[in-house]
C-alpha atoms as a PDB file:
ATOM      1  CA  MET A   1     103.793 149.231 -62.225  1.00  0.00           C
ATOM      2  CA  SER A   2     103.820 152.499 -60.297  1.00  0.00           C
ATOM      3  CA  ALA A   3     105.501 155.649 -61.552  1.00  0.00           C
ATOM      4  CA  GLU A   4     108.024 155.295 -58.704  1.00  0.00           C
ATOM      5  CA  ALA A   5     109.428 152.078 -60.121  1.00  0.00           C
ATOM      6  CA  ARG A   6     111.946 151.954 -62.896  1.00  0.00           C
ATOM      7  CA  SER A   7     111.853 149.199 -65.453  1.00  0.00           C
ATOM      8  CA  THR A   8     114.415 148.457 -68.125  1.00  0.00           C
ATOM      9  CA  VAL A   9     112.135 145.909 -69.738  1.00  0.00           C
ATOM     10  CA  ALA A  10     111.415 146.193 -73.424  1.00  0.00           C
ATOM     11  CA  SER A  11     108.264 144.846 -75.019  1.00  0.00           C
ATOM     12  CA  ALA A  12     110.031 141.500 -75.379  1.00  0.00           C
ATOM     13  CA  PRO A  13     112.879 140.990 -72.858  1.00  0.00           C
ATOM     14  CA  PRO A  14     115.897 138.992 -74.051  1.00  0.00           C
ATOM     15  CA  PRO A  15     116.177 135.310 -73.171  1.00  0.00           C
ATOM     16  CA  ALA A  16     117.199 134.632 -69.580  1.00  0.00           C
ATOM     17  CA  ARG A  17     120.676 133.438 -70.563  1.00  0.00           C
ATOM     18  CA  GLU A  18     121.368 136.835 -72.102  1.00  0.00           C
ATOM     19  CA  ARG A  19     120.344 138.741 -68.972  1.00  0.00           C
ATOM     20  CA  GLN A  20     123.524 138.270 -66.990  1.00  0.00           C
ATOM     21  CA  HIS A  21     127.223 139.001 -67.128  1.00  0.00           C
ATOM     22  CA  PRO A  22     129.143 136.689 -69.482  1.00  0.00           C
ATOM     23  CA  TYR A  23     131.520 135.560 -66.712  1.00  0.00           C
ATOM     24  CA  GLU A  24     134.668 135.789 -68.755  1.00  0.00           C
ATOM     25  CA  LEU A  25     136.264 136.144 -65.313  1.00  0.00           C
ATOM     26  CA  PRO A  26     134.938 135.418 -61.800  1.00  0.00           C
ATOM     27  CA  TYR A  27     134.211 139.110 -61.378  1.00  0.00           C
ATOM     28  CA  HIS A  28     132.617 138.952 -57.918  1.00  0.00           C
ATOM     29  CA  TRP A  29     135.887 137.679 -56.483  1.00  0.00           C
ATOM     30  CA  GLY A  30     137.656 140.607 -58.127  1.00  0.00           C
ATOM     31  CA  MET A  31     135.421 143.325 -56.707  1.00  0.00           C
ATOM     32  CA  SER A  32     136.972 146.166 -54.760  1.00  0.00           C
ATOM     33  CA  ARG A  33     137.331 145.722 -51.025  1.00  0.00           C
ATOM     34  CA  PHE A  34     134.485 148.167 -50.462  1.00  0.00           C
ATOM     35  CA  HIS A  35     132.009 146.413 -52.746  1.00  0.00           C
ATOM     36  CA  ARG A  36     132.905 143.073 -51.180  1.00  0.00           C
ATOM     37  CA  TYR A  37     132.162 144.686 -47.829  1.00  0.00           C
ATOM     38  CA  VAL A  38     128.695 145.724 -49.040  1.00  0.00           C
ATOM     39  CA  VAL A  39     127.921 142.128 -50.074  1.00  0.00           C
ATOM     40  CA  GLU A  40     129.161 140.870 -46.707  1.00  0.00           C
ATOM     41  CA  GLN A  41     126.797 143.296 -44.999  1.00  0.00           C
ATOM     42  CA  ALA A  42     123.861 142.020 -47.070  1.00  0.00           C
ATOM     43  CA  VAL A  43     124.525 138.417 -46.060  1.00  0.00           C
ATOM     44  CA  GLY A  44     125.062 139.489 -42.462  1.00  0.00           C
ATOM     45  CA  ARG A  45     121.640 141.139 -42.347  1.00  0.00           C
ATOM     46  CA  VAL A  46     119.938 137.802 -43.092  1.00  0.00           C
ATOM     47  CA  ALA A  47     122.340 135.540 -41.177  1.00  0.00           C
ATOM     48  CA  ASP A  48     119.747 134.627 -38.540  1.00  0.00           C
ATOM     49  CA  ALA A  49     117.369 133.311 -41.215  1.00  0.00           C
ATOM     50  CA  LEU A  50     120.152 131.195 -42.727  1.00  0.00           C
ATOM     51  CA  SER A  51     121.717 129.977 -39.492  1.00  0.00           C
ATOM     52  CA  GLY A  52     121.824 126.182 -39.372  1.00  0.00           C
ATOM     53  CA  ALA A  53     119.750 125.837 -42.542  1.00  0.00           C
ATOM     54  CA  TYR A  54     120.400 123.881 -45.701  1.00  0.00           C
ATOM     55  CA  VAL A  55     120.262 126.660 -48.289  1.00  0.00           C
ATOM     56  CA  LEU A  56     119.465 126.566 -51.988  1.00  0.00           C
ATOM     57  CA  ASP A  57     121.373 129.557 -53.377  1.00  0.00           C
ATOM     58  CA  VAL A  58     119.656 130.562 -56.619  1.00  0.00           C
ATOM     59  CA  GLY A  59     121.692 132.592 -59.093  1.00  0.00           C
ATOM     60  CA  CYS A  60     124.891 131.867 -57.192  1.00  0.00           C
ATOM     61  CA  GLY A  61     127.168 133.157 -59.960  1.00  0.00           C
ATOM     62  CA  ASP A  62     130.824 132.462 -59.300  1.00  0.00           C
ATOM     63  CA  GLY A  63     130.180 131.410 -55.710  1.00  0.00           C
ATOM     64  CA  PHE A  64     131.341 134.530 -53.856  1.00  0.00           C
ATOM     65  CA  THR A  65     128.060 135.057 -52.015  1.00  0.00           C
ATOM     66  CA  THR A  66     127.592 131.300 -51.602  1.00  0.00           C
ATOM     67  CA  ALA A  67     130.844 131.133 -49.663  1.00  0.00           C
ATOM     68  CA  LEU A  68     129.566 133.866 -47.341  1.00  0.00           C
ATOM     69  CA  VAL A  69     126.245 132.066 -46.849  1.00  0.00           C
ATOM     70  CA  ALA A  70     128.138 128.876 -45.988  1.00  0.00           C
ATOM     71  CA  ARG A  71     129.572 130.598 -42.910  1.00  0.00           C
ATOM     72  CA  HIS A  72     126.101 130.513 -41.370  1.00  0.00           C
ATOM     73  CA  ALA A  73     124.379 127.521 -42.987  1.00  0.00           C
ATOM     74  CA  ARG A  74     124.879 123.824 -42.357  1.00  0.00           C
ATOM     75  CA  GLY A  75     125.139 123.359 -46.119  1.00  0.00           C
ATOM     76  CA  VAL A  76     124.562 125.198 -49.396  1.00  0.00           C
ATOM     77  CA  HIS A  77     123.677 124.050 -52.900  1.00  0.00           C
ATOM     78  CA  GLY A  78     124.260 126.817 -55.447  1.00  0.00           C
ATOM     79  CA  ILE A  79     122.738 126.944 -58.910  1.00  0.00           C
ATOM     80  CA  ASP A  80     123.292 129.322 -61.794  1.00  0.00           C
ATOM     81  CA  LEU A  81     122.266 129.135 -65.433  1.00  0.00           C
ATOM     82  CA  ASN A  82     125.742 130.117 -66.631  1.00  0.00           C
ATOM     83  CA  PRO A  83     128.055 127.075 -66.929  1.00  0.00           C
ATOM     84  CA  ARG A  84     131.167 129.279 -66.809  1.00  0.00           C
ATOM     85  CA  ALA A  85     130.038 130.813 -63.519  1.00  0.00           C
ATOM     86  CA  ILE A  86     129.484 127.355 -62.052  1.00  0.00           C
ATOM     87  CA  ALA A  87     132.909 126.224 -63.277  1.00  0.00           C
ATOM     88  CA  PHE A  88     134.511 129.176 -61.501  1.00  0.00           C
ATOM     89  CA  ALA A  89     132.496 128.494 -58.333  1.00  0.00           C
ATOM     90  CA  LYS A  90     133.586 124.860 -58.234  1.00  0.00           C
ATOM     91  CA  LEU A  91     137.199 125.888 -58.791  1.00  0.00           C
ATOM     92  CA  ILE A  92     137.301 128.620 -56.136  1.00  0.00           C
ATOM     93  CA  VAL A  93     134.998 127.509 -53.302  1.00  0.00           C
ATOM     94  CA  ASP A  94     136.652 124.667 -51.395  1.00  0.00           C
ATOM     95  CA  ASP A  95     134.080 123.619 -48.802  1.00  0.00           C
ATOM     96  CA  PRO A  96     132.741 120.078 -48.311  1.00  0.00           C
ATOM     97  CA  HIS A  97     129.372 121.482 -47.264  1.00  0.00           C
ATOM     98  CA  VAL A  98     128.913 123.431 -50.521  1.00  0.00           C
ATOM     99  CA  SER A  99     127.934 122.079 -53.934  1.00  0.00           C
ATOM    100  CA  PHE A 100     127.173 123.683 -57.293  1.00  0.00           C
ATOM    101  CA  ALA A 101     125.211 122.781 -60.401  1.00  0.00           C
ATOM    102  CA  VAL A 102     123.947 124.483 -63.530  1.00  0.00           C
ATOM    103  CA  GLY A 103     120.316 125.512 -63.075  1.00  0.00           C
ATOM    104  CA  ALA A 104     117.957 128.441 -63.520  1.00  0.00           C
ATOM    105  CA  ALA A 105     115.529 130.229 -61.229  1.00  0.00           C
ATOM    106  CA  GLY A 106     112.732 128.474 -63.104  1.00  0.00           C
ATOM    107  CA  GLU A 107     114.203 125.106 -62.124  1.00  0.00           C
ATOM    108  CA  VAL A 108     114.310 125.417 -58.340  1.00  0.00           C
ATOM    109  CA  GLU A 109     112.082 122.391 -57.783  1.00  0.00           C
ATOM    110  CA  GLU A 110     114.452 120.217 -59.813  1.00  0.00           C
ATOM    111  CA  ALA A 111     117.450 121.746 -58.022  1.00  0.00           C
ATOM    112  CA  ALA A 112     115.887 121.115 -54.609  1.00  0.00           C
ATOM    113  CA  ALA A 113     115.179 117.508 -55.556  1.00  0.00           C
ATOM    114  CA  SER A 114     118.773 116.939 -56.693  1.00  0.00           C
ATOM    115  CA  ALA A 115     120.410 118.580 -53.656  1.00  0.00           C
ATOM    116  CA  SER A 116     121.887 116.408 -50.918  1.00  0.00           C
ATOM    117  CA  GLU A 117     119.184 117.642 -48.515  1.00  0.00           C
ATOM    118  CA  THR A 118     115.766 119.206 -48.838  1.00  0.00           C
ATOM    119  CA  PRO A 119     116.363 122.967 -48.581  1.00  0.00           C
ATOM    120  CA  ASP A 120     114.815 124.737 -45.621  1.00  0.00           C
ATOM    121  CA  ALA A 121     115.956 128.145 -46.865  1.00  0.00           C
ATOM    122  CA  ILE A 122     116.279 129.656 -50.326  1.00  0.00           C
ATOM    123  CA  ALA A 123     118.537 132.613 -51.113  1.00  0.00           C
ATOM    124  CA  ALA A 124     118.285 134.858 -54.166  1.00  0.00           C
ATOM    125  CA  PHE A 125     120.912 137.590 -53.909  1.00  0.00           C
ATOM    126  CA  GLU A 126     120.627 140.077 -56.791  1.00  0.00           C
ATOM    127  CA  VAL A 127     118.502 137.690 -58.856  1.00  0.00           C
ATOM    128  CA  VAL A 128     114.857 138.785 -59.035  1.00  0.00           C
ATOM    129  CA  GLU A 129     115.669 141.908 -61.068  1.00  0.00           C
ATOM    130  CA  HIS A 130     116.883 139.612 -63.876  1.00  0.00           C
ATOM    131  CA  LEU A 131     113.518 137.822 -64.179  1.00  0.00           C
ATOM    132  CA  ASP A 132     110.515 138.871 -66.195  1.00  0.00           C
ATOM    133  CA  SER A 133     107.110 138.925 -64.513  1.00  0.00           C
ATOM    134  CA  ALA A 134     106.121 135.365 -65.386  1.00  0.00           C
ATOM    135  CA  GLU A 135     109.543 134.005 -64.403  1.00  0.00           C
ATOM    136  CA  LEU A 136     109.431 135.810 -61.077  1.00  0.00           C
ATOM    137  CA  ASP A 137     105.951 134.543 -60.247  1.00  0.00           C
ATOM    138  CA  GLY A 138     106.983 131.004 -61.181  1.00  0.00           C
ATOM    139  CA  PHE A 139     110.103 131.228 -59.025  1.00  0.00           C
ATOM    140  CA  LEU A 140     108.181 132.558 -56.019  1.00  0.00           C
ATOM    141  CA  ASP A 141     105.461 129.930 -56.342  1.00  0.00           C
ATOM    142  CA  ALA A 142     108.013 127.124 -56.513  1.00  0.00           C
ATOM    143  CA  ALA A 143     109.994 128.563 -53.605  1.00  0.00           C
ATOM    144  CA  ARG A 144     106.862 128.733 -51.477  1.00  0.00           C
ATOM    145  CA  ALA A 145     106.014 125.095 -52.248  1.00  0.00           C
ATOM    146  CA  ILE A 146     109.528 123.991 -51.245  1.00  0.00           C
ATOM    147  CA  LEU A 147     109.651 126.058 -48.062  1.00  0.00           C
ATOM    148  CA  ALA A 148     106.103 125.611 -46.758  1.00  0.00           C
ATOM    149  CA  PRO A 149     106.635 122.209 -45.054  1.00  0.00           C
ATOM    150  CA  SER A 150     109.499 123.564 -42.910  1.00  0.00           C
ATOM    151  CA  ASP A 151     108.300 127.177 -42.661  1.00  0.00           C
ATOM    152  CA  GLY A 152     111.641 128.022 -44.232  1.00  0.00           C
ATOM    153  CA  ALA A 153     112.940 131.443 -45.144  1.00  0.00           C
ATOM    154  CA  LEU A 154     113.200 133.039 -48.567  1.00  0.00           C
ATOM    155  CA  VAL A 155     116.035 135.567 -48.540  1.00  0.00           C
ATOM    156  CA  VAL A 156     116.137 138.211 -51.272  1.00  0.00           C
ATOM    157  CA  SER A 157     118.412 141.127 -52.030  1.00  0.00           C
ATOM    158  CA  THR A 158     117.771 143.371 -55.008  1.00  0.00           C
ATOM    159  CA  PRO A 159     118.600 146.882 -56.204  1.00  0.00           C
ATOM    160  CA  ASN A 160     116.191 149.555 -55.055  1.00  0.00           C
ATOM    161  CA  ALA A 161     114.467 151.037 -58.104  1.00  0.00           C
ATOM    162  CA  ALA A 162     114.058 154.363 -56.323  1.00  0.00           C
ATOM    163  CA  ARG A 163     117.819 154.818 -56.020  1.00  0.00           C
ATOM    164  CA  MET A 164     119.391 153.061 -59.000  1.00  0.00           C
ATOM    165  CA  PRO A 165     120.413 154.731 -62.259  1.00  0.00           C
ATOM    166  CA  ARG A 166     118.470 153.648 -65.303  1.00  0.00           C
ATOM    167  CA  GLY A 167     119.665 151.423 -68.075  1.00  0.00           C
ATOM    168  CA  ASN A 168     121.298 148.296 -66.623  1.00  0.00           C
ATOM    169  CA  PRO A 169     121.188 145.985 -69.669  1.00  0.00           C
ATOM    170  CA  PHE A 170     121.015 142.867 -67.496  1.00  0.00           C
ATOM    171  CA  HIS A 171     117.954 143.908 -65.480  1.00  0.00           C
ATOM    172  CA  VAL A 172     114.373 143.351 -66.624  1.00  0.00           C
ATOM    173  CA  GLU A 173     112.593 145.101 -63.777  1.00  0.00           C
ATOM    174  CA  GLU A 174     113.733 146.676 -60.532  1.00  0.00           C
ATOM    175  CA  MET A 175     111.366 147.247 -57.617  1.00  0.00           C
ATOM    176  CA  THR A 176     110.975 149.692 -54.765  1.00  0.00           C
ATOM    177  CA  ALA A 177     110.538 148.440 -51.199  1.00  0.00           C
ATOM    178  CA  PRO A 178     106.697 148.637 -51.268  1.00  0.00           C
ATOM    179  CA  GLU A 179     106.601 146.879 -54.637  1.00  0.00           C
ATOM    180  CA  LEU A 180     108.869 144.066 -53.458  1.00  0.00           C
ATOM    181  CA  ALA A 181     106.760 143.518 -50.350  1.00  0.00           C
ATOM    182  CA  ALA A 182     103.546 143.546 -52.369  1.00  0.00           C
ATOM    183  CA  ARG A 183     104.942 141.077 -54.906  1.00  0.00           C
ATOM    184  CA  LEU A 184     105.972 138.636 -52.196  1.00  0.00           C
ATOM    185  CA  ARG A 185     102.597 138.870 -50.471  1.00  0.00           C
ATOM    186  CA  SER A 186     100.791 138.349 -53.762  1.00  0.00           C
ATOM    187  CA  ARG A 187     102.564 134.974 -54.120  1.00  0.00           C
ATOM    188  CA  GLY A 188     101.736 133.758 -50.631  1.00  0.00           C
ATOM    189  CA  PHE A 189     104.612 135.023 -48.488  1.00  0.00           C
ATOM    190  CA  GLU A 190     104.628 136.930 -45.243  1.00  0.00           C
ATOM    191  CA  VAL A 191     107.376 139.556 -45.133  1.00  0.00           C
ATOM    192  CA  GLU A 192     109.338 139.097 -41.936  1.00  0.00           C
ATOM    193  CA  MET A 193     111.994 141.730 -42.548  1.00  0.00           C
ATOM    194  CA  LEU A 194     112.562 144.335 -45.250  1.00  0.00           C
ATOM    195  CA  GLU A 195     115.437 146.733 -44.803  1.00  0.00           C
ATOM    196  CA  GLY A 196     117.626 149.047 -46.780  1.00  0.00           C
ATOM    197  CA  LEU A 197     121.379 148.690 -47.154  1.00  0.00           C
ATOM    198  CA  TYR A 198     123.921 151.296 -48.220  1.00  0.00           C
ATOM    199  CA  VAL A 199     122.711 154.890 -48.354  1.00  0.00           C
ATOM    200  CA  ARG A 200     124.681 155.639 -51.487  1.00  0.00           C
ATOM    201  CA  PRO A 201     126.279 159.023 -52.173  1.00  0.00           C
ATOM    202  CA  PRO A 202     126.618 160.269 -55.767  1.00  0.00           C
ATOM    203  CA  GLN A 203     128.120 157.364 -57.699  1.00  0.00           C
ATOM    204  CA  ARG A 204     131.198 159.274 -58.819  1.00  0.00           C
ATOM    205  CA  LEU A 205     132.286 159.530 -55.175  1.00  0.00           C
ATOM    206  CA  GLU A 206     132.581 155.732 -54.891  1.00  0.00           C
ATOM    207  CA  HIS A 207     136.012 156.048 -56.507  1.00  0.00           C
ATOM    208  CA  PHE A 208     137.212 157.177 -53.071  1.00  0.00           C
ATOM    209  CA  ALA A 209     135.619 154.300 -51.140  1.00  0.00           C
ATOM    210  CA  ASN A 210     138.854 152.315 -50.864  1.00  0.00           C
ATOM    211  CA  THR A 211     141.136 155.218 -50.029  1.00  0.00           C
ATOM    212  CA  VAL A 212     142.289 155.438 -46.430  1.00  0.00           C
ATOM    213  CA  PRO A 213     140.857 158.888 -45.586  1.00  0.00           C
ATOM    214  CA  PHE A 214     137.343 157.889 -46.720  1.00  0.00           C
ATOM    215  CA  ARG A 215     137.237 154.124 -46.027  1.00  0.00           C
ATOM    216  CA  ALA A 216     135.560 154.346 -42.610  1.00  0.00           C
ATOM    217  CA  ALA A 217     132.960 156.830 -43.841  1.00  0.00           C
ATOM    218  CA  PHE A 218     131.996 154.656 -46.807  1.00  0.00           C
ATOM    219  CA  ARG A 219     131.780 151.549 -44.645  1.00  0.00           C
ATOM    220  CA  ALA A 220     129.443 153.426 -42.312  1.00  0.00           C
ATOM    221  CA  LEU A 221     127.298 154.321 -45.332  1.00  0.00           C
ATOM    222  CA  ALA A 222     127.341 150.658 -46.403  1.00  0.00           C
ATOM    223  CA  ARG A 223     125.958 149.597 -43.025  1.00  0.00           C
ATOM    224  CA  SER A 224     123.326 152.326 -43.028  1.00  0.00           C
ATOM    225  CA  GLY A 225     119.808 152.338 -44.402  1.00  0.00           C
ATOM    226  CA  ARG A 226     118.281 149.715 -42.131  1.00  0.00           C
ATOM    227  CA  ASN A 227     115.275 151.891 -41.343  1.00  0.00           C
ATOM    228  CA  VAL A 228     115.229 153.986 -44.514  1.00  0.00           C
ATOM    229  CA  PRO A 229     114.983 151.488 -47.392  1.00  0.00           C
ATOM    230  CA  ARG A 230     113.685 154.131 -49.794  1.00  0.00           C
ATOM    231  CA  LEU A 231     117.040 155.946 -49.522  1.00  0.00           C
ATOM    232  CA  SER A 232     119.162 152.813 -49.837  1.00  0.00           C
ATOM    233  CA  ARG A 233     120.854 151.310 -52.864  1.00  0.00           C
ATOM    234  CA  THR A 234     119.897 147.735 -51.970  1.00  0.00           C
ATOM    235  CA  LEU A 235     116.819 146.104 -50.454  1.00  0.00           C
ATOM    236  CA  VAL A 236     117.301 143.072 -48.193  1.00  0.00           C
ATOM    237  CA  CYS A 237     114.301 140.932 -47.333  1.00  0.00           C
ATOM    238  CA  VAL A 238     113.353 137.788 -45.401  1.00  0.00           C
ATOM    239  CA  ALA A 239     109.953 136.234 -46.114  1.00  0.00           C
ATOM    240  CA  ARG A 240     108.236 132.964 -45.160  1.00  0.00           C
ATOM    241  CA  PRO A 241     105.256 131.102 -46.578  1.00  0.00           C
ATOM    242  CA  ALA A 242     102.040 132.635 -45.255  1.00  0.00           C
ATOM    243  CA  THR A 243     100.178 130.567 -42.719  1.00  0.00           C
ATOM    244  CA  GLU A 244      96.753 129.181 -43.544  1.00  0.00           C
ATOM    245  CA  GLY A 245      94.186 131.938 -43.462  1.00  0.00           C
ATOM    246  CA  ALA A 246      96.713 134.797 -43.335  1.00  0.00           C
ATOM    247  CA  SER A 247      95.756 137.871 -45.339  1.00  0.00           C
ATOM    248  CA  LEU A 248      97.936 138.273 -48.417  1.00  0.00           C
END
């Protein structure tokens, strides 16, 4: 890994079930208005890739992002390895075109087979940073196999290692924009779009993001970064299985 990247991985990362929030509450639904706005912007950036698709939402958590995806998709099946998160998602998201089940990123083939339709798009919002190297490669390989017949889209959002503070206990490895693109290409994907989202000011200033005098300015920052991913807090990417003979 390059010196630019930041990794929180120890010599032996904790088991996958210990690399996420405990979901004592459905915390995504309780986020501040500003942070909900940032998530809405992330989904909006990839809306074209999800439009009309049947989406497998991997690492769906408590269903907040799944509900946003459902605005664009013809249907969504969300999976998460935390049973409490899935229980919250089922309780909160009332949409006949959305379903949820317990499942991990390493079980996407099983999840795709059990969904009501074969997915022609896979979403992984804020997921890949929770996977170790072998888990990530396995997830990407399985996603490519599922998506290749329909030339479907893999949608990824992840924190930008170049802009995030160190030490998140739930993250194994964060990537920069070049590293994310290279990882996707190494597993047989062509990167269709890779943008930045939210040029973040010093973190202590986010306390003012929901106050009236600063709300518009922070929302403008949240929408920014499209052409400067290295300065952005979040990376948003759309990739598709590489065509036969394409250089990886």
